[in-house]
Amino acid sequence: AAVANMEVAKQQGEAMEEYAIDMGKIMEVARRLMKGAIVPATDEKKLMEYSMELYQAAKNIGALA
């Protein structure tokens, strides 16, 4: 049972690491949009899928910049 628990903990750690990397990318896209930078459409789409509210706020702030 201990070996199985260690394997599950390892898999959860890897999943959290992947999530953190994806979250960092999403926040970077939002930051770039807020500064008025040009962002690839695929990155904008990923941000929209994550949070439409964050996407709209980033676009609105970018329009003001």
Protein backbone atom coordinates (compact mmCIF):
# COMPACT_ATOMS: atom_id res chain seq x y z
CA ALA A 1 0.00 0.00 0.00
CA ALA A 2 2.87 2.38 0.77
CA VAL A 3 4.36 1.89 -2.69
CA ALA A 4 0.99 2.60 -4.31
CA ASN A 5 0.61 5.75 -2.20
CA MET A 6 4.07 6.93 -3.26
CA GLU A 7 3.19 6.39 -6.92
CA VAL A 8 -0.08 8.31 -6.57
CA ALA A 9 1.72 11.17 -4.80
CA LYS A 10 4.30 11.28 -7.60
CA GLN A 11 1.58 11.42 -10.27
CA GLN A 12 -0.26 14.18 -8.39
CA GLY A 13 2.96 16.16 -8.11
CA GLU A 14 3.56 15.87 -11.84
CA ALA A 15 -0.02 16.97 -12.56
CA MET A 16 0.36 20.00 -10.28
CA GLU A 17 3.63 20.93 -11.97
CA GLU A 18 1.98 20.76 -15.39
CA TYR A 19 -0.94 22.86 -14.11
CA ALA A 20 1.45 25.48 -12.73
CA ILE A 21 3.26 25.73 -16.06
CA ASP A 22 -0.04 26.14 -17.94
CA MET A 23 -1.24 28.75 -15.44
CA GLY A 24 1.98 30.70 -15.90
CA LYS A 25 1.46 30.72 -19.66
CA ILE A 26 -2.15 31.87 -19.29
CA MET A 27 -1.14 34.71 -16.97
CA GLU A 28 1.62 35.74 -19.37
CA VAL A 29 -0.92 35.97 -22.21
CA ALA A 30 -3.23 38.07 -20.03
CA ARG A 31 -0.33 40.37 -19.06
CA ARG A 32 0.68 40.84 -22.69
CA LEU A 33 -2.91 41.62 -23.71
CA MET A 34 -3.17 44.17 -20.89
CA LYS A 35 -0.06 45.93 -22.20
CA GLY A 36 -1.61 46.12 -25.67
CA ALA A 37 0.80 43.65 -27.26
CA ILE A 38 -0.12 41.46 -30.20
CA VAL A 39 -0.83 37.91 -29.02
CA PRO A 40 -1.29 34.83 -31.24
CA ALA A 41 -4.92 33.82 -31.74
CA THR A 42 -4.28 30.37 -30.27
CA ASP A 43 -3.02 31.94 -27.03
CA GLU A 44 -6.04 34.26 -26.87
CA LYS A 45 -8.33 31.26 -27.40
CA LYS A 46 -6.65 29.35 -24.57
CA LEU A 47 -7.15 32.35 -22.26
CA MET A 48 -10.81 32.59 -23.31
CA GLU A 49 -11.33 28.90 -22.56
CA TYR A 50 -9.72 29.30 -19.15
CA SER A 51 -11.66 32.43 -18.13
CA MET A 52 -13.83 34.63 -20.30
CA GLU A 53 -13.88 37.29 -17.56
CA LEU A 54 -10.08 37.46 -17.38
CA TYR A 55 -9.89 37.61 -21.17
CA GLN A 56 -12.40 40.46 -21.39
CA ALA A 57 -10.66 42.40 -18.61
CA ALA A 58 -7.28 41.96 -20.32
CA LYS A 59 -8.67 43.12 -23.68
CA ASN A 60 -10.38 46.15 -22.11
CA ILE A 61 -7.25 47.20 -20.23
CA GLY A 62 -5.20 46.64 -23.38
CA ALA A 63 -7.53 48.90 -25.34
CA LEU A 64 -6.93 51.66 -22.79
CA ALA A 65 -3.15 51.22 -22.93
